[in-house]
Protein backbone atom coordinates (compact mmCIF):
# COMPACT_ATOMS: atom_id res chain seq x y z
CA MET A 1 3.01 8.09 -10.55
CA LEU A 2 6.09 6.64 -8.91
CA LEU A 3 4.16 3.47 -8.06
CA ALA A 4 2.77 3.25 -11.60
CA ALA A 5 6.32 3.53 -12.94
CA GLU A 6 7.13 0.41 -10.90
CA GLY A 7 4.35 -1.51 -12.67
CA ILE A 8 1.77 -1.18 -9.90
CA ASP A 9 -1.82 -0.59 -11.01
CA VAL A 10 -2.69 2.95 -9.82
CA VAL A 11 -6.01 4.80 -9.88
CA GLY A 12 -6.01 8.56 -9.31
CA LEU A 13 -9.23 10.21 -8.13
CA ASP A 14 -10.08 13.90 -7.84
CA PRO A 15 -13.34 15.87 -7.81
CA ALA A 16 -11.62 18.83 -9.51
CA GLY A 17 -11.43 18.39 -13.27
CA ALA A 18 -8.71 21.05 -13.56
CA SER A 19 -6.53 19.12 -11.10
CA LEU A 20 -6.99 15.98 -13.17
CA ASP A 21 -5.97 17.89 -16.30
CA VAL A 22 -2.74 18.97 -14.58
CA ALA A 23 -2.08 15.42 -13.35
CA ARG A 24 -2.70 13.94 -16.78
CA GLY A 25 -0.08 16.29 -18.23
CA LYS A 26 2.73 15.06 -15.99
CA PRO A 27 5.40 12.59 -17.10
CA GLY A 28 4.24 9.00 -16.61
CA ALA A 29 0.58 10.01 -16.23
CA GLY A 30 -0.43 7.60 -18.97
CA ARG A 31 0.28 4.69 -16.62
CA VAL A 32 -2.41 5.89 -14.19
CA ARG A 33 -6.17 5.37 -14.53
CA TRP A 34 -7.64 8.82 -13.79
CA LEU A 35 -11.18 9.17 -12.41
CA HIS A 36 -13.22 12.33 -11.95
CA GLY A 37 -15.24 12.14 -8.72
CA ASP A 38 -14.84 11.38 -5.06
CA ALA A 39 -14.78 8.30 -2.84
CA THR A 40 -18.58 8.17 -2.75
CA THR A 41 -18.80 7.89 -6.56
CA LEU A 42 -16.16 5.23 -7.20
CA PRO A 43 -16.92 2.47 -9.68
CA PRO A 44 -16.45 -1.05 -8.31
CA LEU A 45 -12.78 -1.34 -7.32
CA GLN A 46 -10.76 -3.75 -5.22
CA VAL A 47 -7.51 -2.15 -4.12
CA ASP A 48 -4.83 -2.92 -1.54
CA LEU A 49 -4.07 0.67 -0.57
CA ALA A 50 -5.88 4.00 -0.69
CA THR A 51 -4.09 7.24 0.13
CA MET A 52 -5.19 10.81 0.70
CA THR A 53 -2.30 13.19 0.14
CA GLY A 54 -1.81 16.89 0.77
CA ASN A 55 -4.13 17.09 3.77
CA VAL A 56 -7.13 16.01 1.67
CA ALA A 57 -8.53 14.41 4.84
CA GLN A 58 -9.10 17.94 6.17
CA VAL A 59 -11.32 19.16 3.31
CA PHE A 60 -14.28 17.12 4.61
CA LEU A 61 -15.84 19.73 6.85
CA THR A 62 -18.82 17.80 8.18
CA ASP A 63 -18.91 14.51 10.04
CA ASP A 64 -21.33 13.15 7.42
CA ASP A 65 -18.98 13.97 4.51
CA TRP A 66 -16.01 12.46 6.35
CA ALA A 67 -17.98 9.29 7.22
CA ALA A 68 -19.21 8.95 3.62
CA THR A 69 -15.65 9.29 2.32
CA LEU A 70 -14.32 6.70 4.76
CA GLY A 71 -17.18 4.39 3.75
CA GLY A 72 -16.50 4.85 0.04
CA VAL A 73 -12.82 4.07 0.51
CA HIS A 74 -13.65 1.05 2.69
CA ALA A 75 -15.91 -0.35 -0.05
CA ALA A 76 -13.02 -0.12 -2.54
CA LEU A 77 -10.46 -1.80 -0.28
CA LEU A 78 -9.82 -5.51 -0.33
CA PRO A 79 -10.25 -7.14 3.09
CA GLY A 80 -7.15 -6.16 5.01
CA GLY A 81 -6.44 -3.28 2.63
CA ARG A 82 -5.09 -0.08 4.07
CA LEU A 83 -5.99 3.60 4.08
CA ALA A 84 -3.17 6.08 4.69
CA PHE A 85 -3.60 9.82 5.07
CA GLU A 86 -1.93 12.83 6.61
CA THR A 87 -3.57 15.55 8.65
CA ARG A 88 -2.34 18.54 10.62
CA ASP A 89 -2.20 18.30 14.41
CA PRO A 90 -4.50 21.08 15.69
CA ALA A 91 -2.35 21.52 18.82
CA ARG A 92 0.46 22.84 16.60
CA ARG A 93 -1.77 25.75 15.43
CA SER A 94 -0.17 25.84 11.97
CA TRP A 95 -2.66 28.49 10.82
CA GLU A 96 -0.82 31.05 12.96
CA ARG A 97 1.99 30.89 10.38
CA TRP A 98 -0.32 31.44 7.38
CA THR A 99 0.68 35.04 6.75
CA ARG A 100 2.03 36.76 3.67
CA GLU A 101 5.30 37.49 5.48
CA ARG A 102 5.89 33.82 6.30
CA THR A 103 4.56 32.21 3.11
CA HIS A 104 5.57 34.60 0.30
CA ARG A 105 7.46 32.83 -2.49
CA ARG A 106 8.66 33.77 -5.97
CA SER A 107 9.15 30.87 -8.35
CA ASP A 108 10.43 30.88 -11.89
CA VAL A 109 8.14 28.44 -13.70
CA ALA A 110 9.72 27.09 -16.87
CA GLY A 111 7.95 28.37 -19.96
CA PHE A 112 5.66 30.60 -17.90
CA GLY A 113 7.75 33.11 -15.96
CA VAL A 114 7.94 34.27 -12.36
CA VAL A 115 4.92 33.51 -10.17
CA GLU A 116 4.46 35.01 -6.71
CA THR A 117 2.40 33.14 -4.11
CA TRP A 118 1.39 33.63 -0.50
CA THR A 119 -1.22 32.58 2.02
CA ASP A 120 -3.34 34.77 4.31
CA LEU A 121 -5.42 33.56 7.23
CA VAL A 122 -9.07 34.57 6.80
CA ASP A 123 -10.93 33.04 9.77
CA VAL A 124 -10.40 30.69 12.69
CA SER A 125 -13.64 29.20 14.00
CA LEU A 126 -12.31 25.91 15.31
CA PRO A 127 -12.43 23.23 14.23
CA LEU A 128 -12.66 25.13 10.91
CA VAL A 129 -9.89 27.36 9.57
CA THR A 130 -10.26 29.40 6.37
CA PHE A 131 -7.34 30.80 4.39
CA ARG A 132 -6.74 32.52 1.05
CA GLY A 133 -4.05 31.61 -1.45
CA THR A 134 -2.93 34.44 -3.74
CA PHE A 135 -1.11 33.87 -7.02
CA VAL A 136 0.36 36.72 -9.06
CA LEU A 137 1.09 35.40 -12.54
CA ALA A 138 3.91 36.55 -14.80
CA ASP A 139 1.45 38.56 -16.92
CA GLY A 140 0.22 40.47 -13.85
CA ARG A 141 -3.05 38.60 -13.36
CA VAL A 142 -3.94 37.95 -9.73
CA LEU A 143 -5.79 34.77 -8.79
CA ARG A 144 -7.20 34.08 -5.33
CA SER A 145 -8.53 30.87 -3.89
CA ASP A 146 -10.25 30.54 -0.51
CA SER A 147 -10.16 27.17 1.27
CA THR A 148 -11.43 25.84 4.56
CA LEU A 149 -9.91 22.92 6.46
CA ARG A 150 -11.23 21.00 9.43
CA PHE A 151 -8.77 20.26 12.20
CA ARG A 152 -9.75 16.99 13.89
CA GLU A 153 -8.17 15.76 17.10
CA HIS A 154 -6.29 12.45 17.18
CA ASP A 155 -8.98 10.65 19.22
CA GLU A 156 -11.74 12.00 16.94
CA LEU A 157 -9.95 10.62 13.87
CA ALA A 158 -9.34 7.24 15.49
CA ALA A 159 -13.00 6.95 16.56
CA SER A 160 -14.27 7.89 13.09
CA LEU A 161 -12.03 5.27 11.50
CA GLU A 162 -13.22 2.58 13.92
CA THR A 163 -16.86 3.47 13.25
CA ALA A 164 -16.21 3.19 9.50
CA GLY A 165 -14.74 -0.32 9.79
CA TYR A 166 -11.03 0.28 10.20
CA VAL A 167 -8.42 -0.62 12.78
CA VAL A 168 -5.74 2.05 13.26
CA GLU A 169 -2.39 0.31 12.86
CA GLN A 170 0.00 3.25 13.00
CA VAL A 171 0.07 6.94 13.64
CA HIS A 172 3.39 8.69 13.15
CA ASP A 173 4.87 12.05 12.22
CA ALA A 174 4.81 13.13 8.61
CA PRO A 175 8.42 12.65 7.45
CA ASP A 176 8.52 16.05 5.75
CA ARG A 177 6.87 17.93 8.66
CA PRO A 178 7.74 16.13 11.90
CA GLY A 179 5.84 17.34 14.92
CA LEU A 180 3.27 19.18 12.79
CA GLU A 181 1.26 16.43 11.11
CA TRP A 182 0.14 12.89 11.75
CA VAL A 183 0.15 10.09 9.22
CA PHE A 184 -2.60 7.57 9.97
CA VAL A 185 -2.44 4.04 8.56
CA ALA A 186 -5.64 2.05 9.09
CA ARG A 187 -6.59 -1.46 8.00
CA ALA A 188 -10.06 -2.25 6.65
CA VAL A 189 -11.87 -4.98 8.55
CA GLU A 190 -15.06 -6.84 7.74
CA ARG A 191 -18.09 -4.92 8.89
CA GLY A 192 -20.73 -6.91 10.77
């Protein structure tokens, strides 16, 4: 929404309707065009930049789903447009720190009360890692959410991007987690 506040045309896409509802409720959300779906269901778009934030690139567990997503994004990019995404470096084994002791937080949410959260590792069957997020709400309700991420190696990501019609321009550390995550920036090229 920061880009939209600067007058840039922004489209937000998410397959989770509840996530879109939360996004639409944030300040400045009215400046964004919100779409329910994924990169394979996009209407005709021509954009300069597509981003995947919050390790979204890791939710595509199969090669086919990842390739379809890269293809859908490529179709929406103008020639020379860029895709930027972050992903965890599997060599850093971040899942080893996904324990209640290391992730437990208490947050006072305005108008809602204190919420406790933590993460527990459920399974490591590389390249897939499954974890559970637990949320204890102010009224005592406990919500749990299981998620699985795929940890792809640097060379695997670069090869998949090339196959999908991109040229990798940059790979650097995530500024908020140096040494733990890569940020890929790839340029869309004409496909033969």
